[in-house]
Amino acid sequence: MTEPVEPDLSGAREVSVTEARGNLAELIDAVRDGEFVYLVRHGERVAALMPADVAENYERMEDDYWARRADDARAAIAAGDEDTISWQQYLADSA
C-alpha cells in the first residue's frame, strides 16, 4: 500500500468535460500525484477527480457518521425516549 498523498486544494484546477475526455491519462496522473481536478460543464463544477485515498477516507467518514446516527436512534428507542419510528422520520426530526 502506498503512503497517502496529502491533497493540495490550493492547486485545484478546473477542466471542461470536453477537455477532460481528451486528457484523461494526464488528469489521472495529476490526481495520483495529489492534485484535485474539477470537471466543469457550462461554467459549473459538475464532478471532481481526487486521489483514491481521499475518496476512501470520505467514504469511511460518511459510513461512521451514519453508523453513529443509527446507534443514537437505537439508544433513544431502547431508553424509552422515542417510540419506534421510521429512519426517514428520525432524520427529519433530528435535522
C-alpha atoms as a PDB file:
ATOM      1  CA  MET A   1       0.000   0.000   0.000  1.00  0.00           C
ATOM      2  CA  THR A   2       1.351   3.417  -0.894  1.00  0.00           C
ATOM      3  CA  GLU A   3       1.662   6.309   1.514  1.00  0.00           C
ATOM      4  CA  PRO A   4      -1.413   8.611   1.353  1.00  0.00           C
ATOM      5  CA  VAL A   5      -0.921  11.755  -0.666  1.00  0.00           C
ATOM      6  CA  GLU A   6      -1.714  14.992   1.151  1.00  0.00           C
ATOM      7  CA  PRO A   7      -4.180  16.865  -1.073  1.00  0.00           C
ATOM      8  CA  ASP A   8      -3.316  20.404  -2.122  1.00  0.00           C
ATOM      9  CA  LEU A   9      -6.649  22.138  -2.669  1.00  0.00           C
ATOM     10  CA  SER A  10      -4.971  25.444  -3.417  1.00  0.00           C
ATOM     11  CA  GLY A  11      -3.679  23.906  -6.636  1.00  0.00           C
ATOM     12  CA  ALA A  12      -7.037  22.536  -7.714  1.00  0.00           C
ATOM     13  CA  ARG A  13      -7.754  23.175 -11.331  1.00  0.00           C
ATOM     14  CA  GLU A  14     -10.886  23.288 -13.394  1.00  0.00           C
ATOM     15  CA  VAL A  15     -11.087  21.454 -16.691  1.00  0.00           C
ATOM     16  CA  SER A  16     -14.017  21.335 -19.060  1.00  0.00           C
ATOM     17  CA  VAL A  17     -15.618  17.937 -19.507  1.00  0.00           C
ATOM     18  CA  THR A  18     -14.765  18.114 -23.207  1.00  0.00           C
ATOM     19  CA  GLU A  19     -11.095  18.790 -22.452  1.00  0.00           C
ATOM     20  CA  ALA A  20     -11.040  16.020 -19.843  1.00  0.00           C
ATOM     21  CA  ARG A  21     -12.164  13.458 -22.412  1.00  0.00           C
ATOM     22  CA  GLY A  22      -9.049  14.098 -24.442  1.00  0.00           C
ATOM     23  CA  ASN A  23      -6.648  14.326 -21.500  1.00  0.00           C
ATOM     24  CA  LEU A  24      -7.848  11.635 -19.126  1.00  0.00           C
ATOM     25  CA  ALA A  25      -4.455   9.927 -18.743  1.00  0.00           C
ATOM     26  CA  GLU A  26      -2.787  13.254 -17.877  1.00  0.00           C
ATOM     27  CA  LEU A  27      -5.541  14.104 -15.386  1.00  0.00           C
ATOM     28  CA  ILE A  28      -5.252  10.699 -13.720  1.00  0.00           C
ATOM     29  CA  ASP A  29      -1.502  11.237 -13.312  1.00  0.00           C
ATOM     30  CA  ALA A  30      -2.126  14.668 -11.771  1.00  0.00           C
ATOM     31  CA  VAL A  31      -4.694  13.240  -9.370  1.00  0.00           C
ATOM     32  CA  ARG A  32      -2.392  10.359  -8.448  1.00  0.00           C
ATOM     33  CA  ASP A  33       0.185  13.000  -7.508  1.00  0.00           C
ATOM     34  CA  GLY A  34      -2.287  14.665  -5.116  1.00  0.00           C
ATOM     35  CA  GLU A  35      -3.962  17.265  -7.302  1.00  0.00           C
ATOM     36  CA  PHE A  36      -7.704  17.847  -7.334  1.00  0.00           C
ATOM     37  CA  VAL A  37      -9.385  18.402 -10.684  1.00  0.00           C
ATOM     38  CA  TYR A  38     -12.877  19.809 -11.017  1.00  0.00           C
ATOM     39  CA  LEU A  39     -14.774  18.970 -14.181  1.00  0.00           C
ATOM     40  CA  VAL A  40     -16.759  21.922 -15.444  1.00  0.00           C
ATOM     41  CA  ARG A  41     -19.740  21.979 -17.801  1.00  0.00           C
ATOM     42  CA  HIS A  42     -21.198  25.311 -18.914  1.00  0.00           C
ATOM     43  CA  GLY A  43     -19.130  27.118 -16.263  1.00  0.00           C
ATOM     44  CA  GLU A  44     -20.413  24.989 -13.389  1.00  0.00           C
ATOM     45  CA  ARG A  45     -18.486  22.344 -11.462  1.00  0.00           C
ATOM     46  CA  VAL A  46     -20.214  19.038 -12.058  1.00  0.00           C
ATOM     47  CA  ALA A  47     -17.681  16.486 -10.783  1.00  0.00           C
ATOM     48  CA  ALA A  48     -14.307  16.181  -9.125  1.00  0.00           C
ATOM     49  CA  LEU A  49     -11.354  13.897  -9.589  1.00  0.00           C
ATOM     50  CA  MET A  50      -9.395  13.253  -6.413  1.00  0.00           C
ATOM     51  CA  PRO A  51      -6.826  10.764  -5.149  1.00  0.00           C
ATOM     52  CA  ALA A  52      -8.388   7.410  -4.287  1.00  0.00           C
ATOM     53  CA  ASP A  53      -7.214   7.525  -0.668  1.00  0.00           C
ATOM     54  CA  VAL A  54      -9.032  10.834  -0.179  1.00  0.00           C
ATOM     55  CA  ALA A  55     -12.257   9.382  -1.614  1.00  0.00           C
ATOM     56  CA  GLU A  56     -11.892   6.236   0.507  1.00  0.00           C
ATOM     57  CA  ASN A  57     -11.392   8.360   3.627  1.00  0.00           C
ATOM     58  CA  TYR A  58     -14.513  10.362   2.761  1.00  0.00           C
ATOM     59  CA  GLU A  59     -16.494   7.131   2.390  1.00  0.00           C
ATOM     60  CA  ARG A  60     -15.248   5.926   5.794  1.00  0.00           C
ATOM     61  CA  MET A  61     -16.236   9.211   7.437  1.00  0.00           C
ATOM     62  CA  GLU A  62     -19.684   9.040   5.859  1.00  0.00           C
ATOM     63  CA  ASP A  63     -20.152   5.417   6.972  1.00  0.00           C
ATOM     64  CA  ASP A  64     -19.059   6.325  10.515  1.00  0.00           C
ATOM     65  CA  TYR A  65     -21.476   9.264  10.567  1.00  0.00           C
ATOM     66  CA  TRP A  66     -24.462   7.152   9.523  1.00  0.00           C
ATOM     67  CA  ALA A  67     -23.492   4.357  11.919  1.00  0.00           C
ATOM     68  CA  ARG A  68     -23.434   6.884  14.798  1.00  0.00           C
ATOM     69  CA  ARG A  69     -26.828   8.231  13.746  1.00  0.00           C
ATOM     70  CA  ALA A  70     -28.257   4.694  13.697  1.00  0.00           C
ATOM     71  CA  ASP A  71     -26.713   3.943  17.120  1.00  0.00           C
ATOM     72  CA  ASP A  72     -28.232   7.138  18.520  1.00  0.00           C
ATOM     73  CA  ALA A  73     -31.653   6.180  17.194  1.00  0.00           C
ATOM     74  CA  ARG A  74     -31.406   2.664  18.643  1.00  0.00           C
ATOM     75  CA  ALA A  75     -30.234   4.031  22.007  1.00  0.00           C
ATOM     76  CA  ALA A  76     -33.123   6.515  22.156  1.00  0.00           C
ATOM     77  CA  ILE A  77     -35.623   3.750  21.450  1.00  0.00           C
ATOM     78  CA  ALA A  78     -34.010   1.395  23.988  1.00  0.00           C
ATOM     79  CA  ALA A  79     -34.085   4.132  26.653  1.00  0.00           C
ATOM     80  CA  GLY A  80     -37.760   4.720  26.003  1.00  0.00           C
ATOM     81  CA  ASP A  81     -37.066   8.261  24.883  1.00  0.00           C
ATOM     82  CA  GLU A  82     -38.550   7.585  21.491  1.00  0.00           C
ATOM     83  CA  ASP A  83     -41.319   5.494  20.072  1.00  0.00           C
ATOM     84  CA  THR A  84     -40.357   3.300  17.171  1.00  0.00           C
ATOM     85  CA  ILE A  85     -40.366   5.478  14.083  1.00  0.00           C
ATOM     86  CA  SER A  86     -39.105   5.145  10.555  1.00  0.00           C
ATOM     87  CA  TRP A  87     -35.499   6.081   9.749  1.00  0.00           C
ATOM     88  CA  GLN A  88     -36.772   8.849   7.467  1.00  0.00           C
ATOM     89  CA  GLN A  89     -38.857  10.282  10.294  1.00  0.00           C
ATOM     90  CA  TYR A  90     -35.893  10.128  12.685  1.00  0.00           C
ATOM     91  CA  LEU A  91     -33.732  12.003  10.179  1.00  0.00           C
ATOM     92  CA  ALA A  92     -36.416  14.636   9.654  1.00  0.00           C
ATOM     93  CA  ASP A  93     -36.929  15.093  13.397  1.00  0.00           C
ATOM     94  CA  SER A  94     -33.235  15.316  14.265  1.00  0.00           C
ATOM     95  CA  ALA A  95     -32.203  17.688  11.469  1.00  0.00           C
END
